[in-house]
Amino acid sequence: MKWTDTLDIAIELAETHPEVDPTKINFVDLMRWVMGLPGFEDNEKHCGEKILEAIQLAWIDEVE
């Protein structure tokens, strides 16, 4: 997975952290959790606020 695979990342996060409210996560933790997902293979330098926002929104949609 890469940073741009926002839906795949959101699904993995929802499965990995079912107890977490994605509306309350900060971007530092979100970035760390994404980079720790199995199959994630991208450089943290390719990540920015817009990508993290997109992942967060996809995660919110996934849990609703």
Protein backbone atom coordinates (compact mmCIF):
# COMPACT_ATOMS: atom_id res chain seq x y z
CA MET A 1 0.00 0.00 0.00
CA LYS A 2 1.00 3.57 -0.64
CA TRP A 3 -0.19 6.85 0.90
CA THR A 4 -2.60 7.34 -1.99
CA ASP A 5 -4.43 4.06 -1.23
CA THR A 6 -6.67 5.93 1.20
CA LEU A 7 -9.63 3.54 1.11
CA ASP A 8 -7.48 0.44 1.62
CA ILE A 9 -5.68 2.18 4.47
CA ALA A 10 -8.98 3.23 6.05
CA ILE A 11 -10.30 -0.33 5.93
CA GLU A 12 -7.13 -1.66 7.54
CA LEU A 13 -7.23 1.01 10.25
CA ALA A 14 -10.88 0.27 11.02
CA GLU A 15 -10.03 -3.43 11.40
CA THR A 16 -6.82 -2.84 13.35
CA HIS A 17 -8.18 -0.16 15.71
CA PRO A 18 -11.93 -0.85 16.11
CA GLU A 19 -12.00 0.91 19.48
CA VAL A 20 -10.73 4.22 18.08
CA ASP A 21 -12.97 7.10 17.07
CA PRO A 22 -11.34 8.34 13.84
CA THR A 23 -12.72 11.85 14.42
CA LYS A 24 -10.53 12.16 17.50
CA ILE A 25 -7.17 10.92 16.22
CA ASN A 26 -4.32 13.35 15.72
CA PHE A 27 -2.27 13.30 12.55
CA VAL A 28 0.95 12.27 14.30
CA ASP A 29 -0.66 9.07 15.59
CA LEU A 30 -2.50 8.51 12.31
CA MET A 31 0.72 8.73 10.33
CA ARG A 32 2.49 6.32 12.72
CA TRP A 33 -0.38 3.82 12.60
CA VAL A 34 -0.54 3.90 8.80
CA MET A 35 3.20 3.32 8.53
CA GLY A 36 2.83 0.34 10.89
CA LEU A 37 0.16 -1.40 8.82
CA PRO A 38 1.14 -4.72 7.26
CA GLY A 39 1.75 -4.27 3.57
CA PHE A 40 2.35 -0.53 3.81
CA GLU A 41 5.42 0.34 1.76
CA ASP A 42 5.82 4.06 1.25
CA ASN A 43 8.11 6.78 2.50
CA GLU A 44 6.87 9.13 5.21
CA LYS A 45 8.23 12.02 3.14
CA HIS A 46 5.45 11.35 0.62
CA CYS A 47 2.82 12.05 3.25
CA GLY A 48 1.23 15.41 3.93
CA GLU A 49 -1.73 16.93 5.70
CA LYS A 50 -4.05 16.50 2.70
CA ILE A 51 -3.30 12.79 2.48
CA LEU A 52 -3.84 12.32 6.22
CA GLU A 53 -7.14 14.21 5.97
CA ALA A 54 -8.24 11.96 3.11
CA ILE A 55 -7.33 8.85 5.10
CA GLN A 56 -9.17 10.16 8.15
CA LEU A 57 -12.30 10.95 6.13
CA ALA A 58 -12.23 7.52 4.48
CA TRP A 59 -11.85 5.91 7.91
CA ILE A 60 -14.82 7.91 9.25
CA ASP A 61 -16.91 6.78 6.26
CA GLU A 62 -15.79 3.19 6.81
CA VAL A 63 -16.97 3.04 10.43
CA GLU A 64 -20.32 4.75 9.74
